[in-house]
Amino acid sequence: PAAMSAVSSAALLRFQLGSLNEVHRDLCVRPAGIKVTARETGTPLTFRKSITFSQVSFSYLRATAPALLEINVTIPQGTLLAVCGPSGSGKSTFVNLLMGLLVPTRGELRADDVSIRGREGDWQRLIALVPQEPFFWNASIRDNLLFGRDVSDAEARIWSALETAHLADFARSLPEKLDARLGERGLRVSGGQRQRLAIARALIGEPELLVLDEPTSALDQEIAHAIDDALVDLKGRKTVVIVAHRAASVARCDQVVYFEAGRIAGSGSLESLADTNPGFGKTLGLAHFAPTYRDAPKRAARV
């Protein structure tokens, strides 16, 4: 079985070599518009006050219309922000700009009143991402969480992150503790546990900003609870931006930004947007969020 696994992995690597080369090139070469400046080796960027989008617009190469147009948003430190909108509305572009993966065509993104343009590397050191489908390989919990990072207080960070992700008791219950193997793609643990592990992995780096891309597929209760538990524990401690698709997640947030056709069509609380923006209610399916959207925060708190 071990030999077959090695042969299968080698074949897969060979098959994906073209894509691997493209990814390697992207990692080695900065995107167009991003230039190394002396600032990036000077005083590091901080995020203690707010992140501000000022008249930010973005157009993809050869696109006939802007993906985002004149975006103005301020995200105070410690805020839990939900980003919502139908498919193609600009959510992903907004998040990619926020993470410094894209450079605004016009306008400015600032952290603590300092532009991040030319300092994307500094900025990204303050950010962690929890993707929709986190990757795990057949290694120990410890190795999957550290993900190659060499930190002096690794054990303490791992257990602290697991506590926040509501997985510490589970890890302690395993005979091998942090040495327990997760299996290929993490299949030895449940979907909810994989989601919690992804959150723990992100927290080990002690980011100032956590970006969580909520799965778009129908969530079973365990995964939904994993996301909700993380939101509860992180609120006020970290700045969290969640690309949200569920009313229960949005209900927990301090602020909601709703996108339509590349513009901000509304911002505020779940209740205020549902009252004033029919598209927002339709996107989240609030008509089916029984008994009413006004009960969402109360019921979310009981999850």
Protein backbone atom coordinates (compact mmCIF):
# COMPACT_ATOMS: atom_id res chain seq x y z
CA PRO A 1 0.00 0.00 0.00
CA ALA A 2 2.81 2.45 0.78
CA ALA A 3 4.43 1.83 -2.61
CA MET A 4 1.12 2.27 -4.40
CA SER A 5 0.55 5.53 -2.54
CA ALA A 6 3.99 6.80 -3.57
CA VAL A 7 3.40 5.86 -7.22
CA SER A 8 -0.03 7.48 -7.18
CA SER A 9 1.38 10.67 -5.66
CA ALA A 10 4.18 10.80 -8.23
CA ALA A 11 1.70 10.34 -11.07
CA LEU A 12 -0.52 13.10 -9.71
CA LEU A 13 2.46 15.43 -9.34
CA ARG A 14 3.50 14.71 -12.92
CA PHE A 15 -0.03 15.33 -14.18
CA GLN A 16 -0.27 18.65 -12.32
CA LEU A 17 3.27 19.82 -13.13
CA GLY A 18 2.08 22.53 -15.52
CA SER A 19 -0.21 24.03 -12.89
CA LEU A 20 2.52 23.70 -10.27
CA ASN A 21 4.92 25.69 -12.44
CA GLU A 22 2.33 28.45 -12.88
CA VAL A 23 1.74 28.67 -9.13
CA HIS A 24 5.50 28.72 -8.49
CA ARG A 25 5.90 31.57 -10.96
CA ASP A 26 3.08 33.51 -9.28
CA LEU A 27 4.72 33.07 -5.88
CA CYS A 28 8.11 34.19 -7.14
CA VAL A 29 6.99 37.16 -9.24
CA ARG A 30 5.09 40.09 -7.76
CA PRO A 31 1.82 41.00 -9.52
CA ALA A 32 1.91 43.93 -11.94
CA GLY A 33 1.62 47.20 -10.08
CA ILE A 34 3.30 45.96 -6.90
CA LYS A 35 6.78 47.40 -6.50
CA VAL A 36 9.29 46.78 -3.76
CA THR A 37 9.98 49.98 -1.88
CA ALA A 38 12.33 50.92 0.91
CA ARG A 39 9.31 51.16 3.20
CA GLU A 40 8.84 47.41 3.04
CA THR A 41 12.14 46.88 4.83
CA GLY A 42 11.59 49.76 7.25
CA THR A 43 9.06 50.17 10.05
CA PRO A 44 6.44 47.42 9.63
CA LEU A 45 2.80 48.21 9.01
CA THR A 46 0.49 48.15 12.01
CA PHE A 47 -3.20 47.50 12.37
CA ARG A 48 -4.37 48.91 15.69
CA LYS A 49 -7.07 51.34 14.55
CA SER A 50 -8.76 50.61 11.23
CA ILE A 51 -8.56 49.48 7.62
CA THR A 52 -9.97 51.97 5.12
CA PHE A 53 -10.99 51.63 1.48
CA SER A 54 -11.02 55.13 -0.04
CA GLN A 55 -12.71 55.45 -3.45
CA VAL A 56 -11.31 52.06 -4.46
CA SER A 57 -12.06 50.79 -7.96
CA PHE A 58 -10.66 47.72 -9.68
CA SER A 59 -10.81 46.43 -13.25
CA TYR A 60 -9.48 43.11 -14.49
CA LEU A 61 -7.33 43.05 -17.62
CA ARG A 62 -9.45 43.26 -20.79
CA ALA A 63 -12.67 43.49 -18.75
CA THR A 64 -15.40 45.67 -20.26
CA ALA A 65 -16.58 46.95 -16.87
CA PRO A 66 -15.00 47.48 -13.44
CA ALA A 67 -15.27 44.59 -11.00
CA LEU A 68 -15.52 47.13 -8.16
CA LEU A 69 -16.40 50.80 -8.39
CA GLU A 70 -15.76 53.56 -5.84
CA ILE A 71 -15.73 51.43 -2.70
CA ASN A 72 -15.62 53.32 0.59
CA VAL A 73 -15.47 51.14 3.71
CA THR A 74 -13.86 51.53 7.12
CA ILE A 75 -13.25 48.40 9.21
CA PRO A 76 -12.39 49.27 12.83
CA GLN A 77 -9.93 47.01 14.62
CA GLY A 78 -11.73 44.19 16.45
CA THR A 79 -14.78 44.32 14.18
CA LEU A 80 -16.59 41.27 12.89
CA LEU A 81 -17.55 42.17 9.31
CA ALA A 82 -19.77 40.12 7.00
CA VAL A 83 -19.33 40.49 3.24
CA CYS A 84 -22.44 39.41 1.35
CA GLY A 85 -23.78 39.52 -2.17
CA PRO A 86 -24.91 37.36 -5.09
CA SER A 87 -22.44 35.53 -7.31
CA GLY A 88 -20.38 37.95 -9.39
CA SER A 89 -21.19 40.96 -7.21
CA GLY A 90 -17.56 41.73 -6.32
CA LYS A 91 -17.14 39.94 -2.97
CA SER A 92 -14.06 37.97 -4.00
CA THR A 93 -12.43 41.00 -5.61
CA PHE A 94 -13.03 43.01 -2.43
CA VAL A 95 -11.43 40.29 -0.29
CA ASN A 96 -8.48 39.92 -2.68
CA LEU A 97 -7.87 43.67 -2.49
CA LEU A 98 -8.17 43.55 1.30
CA MET A 99 -5.51 40.82 1.44
CA GLY A 100 -3.15 42.69 -0.86
CA LEU A 101 -3.46 40.09 -3.62
CA LEU A 102 -4.74 42.73 -6.05
CA VAL A 103 -3.77 46.38 -6.41
CA PRO A 104 -6.54 48.99 -6.78
CA THR A 105 -6.89 50.47 -10.24
CA ARG A 106 -7.92 53.68 -8.52
CA GLY A 107 -8.20 54.72 -4.91
CA GLU A 108 -6.31 53.65 -1.81
CA LEU A 109 -6.35 50.93 0.82
CA ARG A 110 -4.92 52.14 4.14
CA ALA A 111 -4.07 50.48 7.45
CA ASP A 112 -3.92 52.89 10.39
CA ASP A 113 -3.93 55.77 7.87
CA VAL A 114 -0.87 54.36 6.05
CA SER A 115 -1.19 53.18 2.45
CA ILE A 116 -0.35 49.52 1.89
CA ARG A 117 0.59 50.17 -1.75
CA GLY A 118 4.12 48.89 -2.23
CA ARG A 119 4.00 47.24 1.21
CA GLU A 120 1.78 44.28 0.42
CA GLY A 121 4.35 41.87 1.86
CA ASP A 122 4.29 43.66 5.23
CA TRP A 123 0.50 43.75 5.16
CA GLN A 124 0.09 40.06 4.37
CA ARG A 125 2.16 39.13 7.41
CA LEU A 126 -0.74 40.43 9.52
CA ILE A 127 -3.38 38.33 7.74
CA ALA A 128 -4.53 34.71 7.87
CA LEU A 129 -7.08 33.02 5.61
CA VAL A 130 -9.49 30.17 6.34
CA PRO A 131 -10.52 28.92 2.88
CA GLN A 132 -13.80 27.25 1.93
CA GLU A 133 -12.11 23.87 1.57
CA PRO A 134 -9.02 23.73 3.81
CA PHE A 135 -6.25 21.34 2.79
CA PHE A 136 -4.89 18.64 5.09
CA TRP A 137 -2.50 15.80 4.36
CA ASN A 138 -1.80 12.49 6.04
CA ALA A 139 0.37 13.83 8.83
CA SER A 140 -0.04 14.60 12.51
CA ILE A 141 -2.31 17.28 13.91
CA ARG A 142 0.85 19.14 14.97
CA ASP A 143 2.39 19.11 11.48
CA ASN A 144 -0.88 20.07 9.81
CA LEU A 145 -1.34 23.04 12.13
CA LEU A 146 2.24 24.31 12.02
CA PHE A 147 2.24 23.95 8.22
CA GLY A 148 6.03 24.29 8.04
CA ARG A 149 6.27 27.25 10.42
CA ASP A 150 9.22 27.22 12.81
CA VAL A 151 8.05 28.86 16.04
CA SER A 152 9.78 28.59 19.40
CA ASP A 153 6.59 28.26 21.44
CA ALA A 154 4.87 25.88 19.02
CA GLU A 155 3.15 23.65 21.60
CA ALA A 156 1.69 26.58 23.53
CA ARG A 157 0.44 28.22 20.34
CA ILE A 158 -1.13 24.99 19.11
CA TRP A 159 -3.05 24.37 22.32
CA SER A 160 -4.15 28.00 22.56
CA ALA A 161 -5.42 27.89 18.97
CA LEU A 162 -7.19 24.59 19.58
CA GLU A 163 -8.90 26.05 22.66
CA THR A 164 -10.21 28.98 20.62
CA ALA A 165 -11.35 26.62 17.87
CA HIS A 166 -13.16 24.40 20.41
CA LEU A 167 -10.98 21.40 19.55
CA ALA A 168 -8.64 21.13 22.55
CA ASP A 169 -10.82 18.58 24.36
CA PHE A 170 -11.03 16.48 21.21
CA ALA A 171 -7.23 16.53 20.76
CA ARG A 172 -6.66 15.61 24.42
CA SER A 173 -9.06 12.67 24.09
CA LEU A 174 -6.95 11.07 21.35
CA PRO A 175 -4.41 8.44 22.49
CA GLU A 176 -1.69 10.11 20.38
CA LYS A 177 -2.79 13.68 21.20
CA LEU A 178 -1.10 16.07 18.73
CA ASP A 179 0.72 13.17 17.06
CA ALA A 180 -2.55 11.67 15.81
CA ARG A 181 -2.62 11.50 12.02
CA LEU A 182 -5.47 13.12 10.13
CA GLY A 183 -5.48 10.85 7.07
CA GLU A 184 -5.50 11.94 3.43
CA ARG A 185 -7.38 15.24 3.08
CA GLY A 186 -8.15 15.00 6.80
CA LEU A 187 -10.71 12.25 6.28
CA ARG A 188 -10.11 10.72 9.72
CA VAL A 189 -11.93 13.65 11.30
CA SER A 190 -15.38 15.06 10.62
CA GLY A 191 -16.20 18.06 8.44
CA GLY A 192 -16.79 20.26 11.46
CA GLN A 193 -13.49 19.22 13.01
CA ARG A 194 -11.64 19.98 9.77
CA GLN A 195 -13.17 23.45 9.74
CA ARG A 196 -12.08 24.00 13.35
CA LEU A 197 -8.58 22.75 12.56
CA ALA A 198 -8.36 25.24 9.69
CA ILE A 199 -9.32 28.04 12.06
CA ALA A 200 -6.74 26.84 14.60
CA ARG A 201 -4.06 26.71 11.88
CA ALA A 202 -4.82 30.32 10.93
CA LEU A 203 -4.66 31.48 14.55
CA ILE A 204 -1.24 29.94 15.26
CA GLY A 205 0.35 32.75 13.25
CA GLU A 206 -1.31 35.27 15.60
CA PRO A 207 -2.79 37.38 12.77
CA GLU A 208 -4.32 40.80 13.28
CA LEU A 209 -6.86 40.15 10.50
CA LEU A 210 -8.60 36.83 9.89
CA VAL A 211 -10.44 36.27 6.61
CA LEU A 212 -12.92 33.40 6.65
CA ASP A 213 -14.52 32.22 3.41
CA GLU A 214 -17.65 30.37 4.49
CA PRO A 215 -18.50 27.26 2.42
CA THR A 216 -21.17 27.97 -0.20
CA SER A 217 -22.57 24.45 -0.19
CA ALA A 218 -25.30 23.39 2.20
CA LEU A 219 -23.68 23.08 5.63
CA ASP A 220 -24.39 20.25 7.98
CA GLN A 221 -25.03 21.28 11.55
CA GLU A 222 -21.56 20.38 12.75
CA ILE A 223 -19.74 22.59 10.23
CA ALA A 224 -22.22 25.42 10.81
CA HIS A 225 -21.62 25.17 14.55
CA ALA A 226 -17.84 25.15 14.00
CA ILE A 227 -18.04 28.46 12.14
CA ASP A 228 -20.45 29.98 14.65
CA ASP A 229 -18.31 28.91 17.63
CA ALA A 230 -15.25 30.50 16.05
CA LEU A 231 -17.11 33.76 15.43
CA VAL A 232 -18.26 33.93 19.03
CA ASP A 233 -14.77 33.40 20.47
CA LEU A 234 -12.97 35.71 18.05
CA LYS A 235 -15.39 38.61 18.29
CA GLY A 236 -13.64 41.61 19.82
CA ARG A 237 -10.28 39.80 19.96
CA LYS A 238 -9.44 39.74 16.28
CA THR A 239 -10.67 41.64 13.27
CA VAL A 240 -12.61 39.06 11.28
CA VAL A 241 -13.94 39.44 7.74
CA ILE A 242 -16.25 36.60 6.75
CA VAL A 243 -17.59 36.03 3.26
CA ALA A 244 -20.96 34.92 4.59
CA HIS A 245 -23.75 32.92 2.98
CA ARG A 246 -25.87 32.15 6.05
CA ALA A 247 -28.11 34.50 7.98
CA ALA A 248 -26.97 32.92 11.27
CA SER A 249 -23.37 33.97 10.55
CA VAL A 250 -24.38 37.46 9.42
CA ALA A 251 -26.50 37.94 12.54
CA ARG A 252 -23.42 37.65 14.74
CA CYS A 253 -21.50 40.36 12.89
CA ASP A 254 -21.03 43.96 13.99
CA GLN A 255 -21.25 45.24 10.43
CA VAL A 256 -22.53 43.90 7.10
CA VAL A 257 -21.44 45.10 3.66
CA TYR A 258 -23.71 44.01 0.80
CA PHE A 259 -22.44 44.07 -2.79
CA GLU A 260 -24.39 44.22 -6.04
CA ALA A 261 -22.82 44.59 -9.49
CA GLY A 262 -19.48 45.80 -8.15
CA ARG A 263 -20.90 48.45 -5.85
CA ILE A 264 -21.82 48.59 -2.19
CA ALA A 265 -25.61 48.39 -2.29
CA GLY A 266 -25.97 48.68 1.48
CA SER A 267 -24.21 48.44 4.82
CA GLY A 268 -25.31 48.16 8.41
CA SER A 269 -26.91 45.44 10.51
CA LEU A 270 -28.73 42.36 9.21
CA GLU A 271 -32.05 43.82 10.34
CA SER A 272 -31.57 47.24 8.77
CA LEU A 273 -30.45 45.78 5.44
CA ALA A 274 -33.28 43.25 5.36
CA ASP A 275 -35.75 46.10 5.93
CA THR A 276 -34.34 48.33 3.19
CA ASN A 277 -32.77 46.05 0.59
CA PRO A 278 -34.86 43.26 -1.00
CA GLY A 279 -31.81 41.86 -2.79
CA PHE A 280 -30.02 41.32 0.51
CA GLY A 281 -32.93 39.35 1.95
CA LYS A 282 -33.17 37.25 -1.20
CA THR A 283 -29.43 36.50 -1.23
CA LEU A 284 -29.50 35.16 2.33
CA GLY A 285 -32.90 33.50 1.95
CA LEU A 286 -34.30 35.44 4.89
CA ALA A 287 -37.84 34.62 3.85
CA HIS A 288 -37.06 31.00 4.75
CA PHE A 289 -35.12 31.83 7.90
CA ALA A 290 -38.08 31.04 10.13
CA PRO A 291 -39.70 32.54 12.08
CA THR A 292 -38.23 35.92 10.94
CA TYR A 293 -34.83 37.47 10.36
CA ARG A 294 -35.31 39.55 13.52
CA ASP A 295 -34.92 36.37 15.54
CA ALA A 296 -31.63 35.48 13.85
CA PRO A 297 -29.29 36.99 16.48
CA LYS A 298 -31.21 35.37 19.34
CA ARG A 299 -31.28 31.96 17.71
CA ALA A 300 -27.68 32.22 16.55
CA ALA A 301 -26.64 32.89 20.14
CA ARG A 302 -28.21 29.58 21.15
CA VAL A 303 -26.23 27.59 18.54
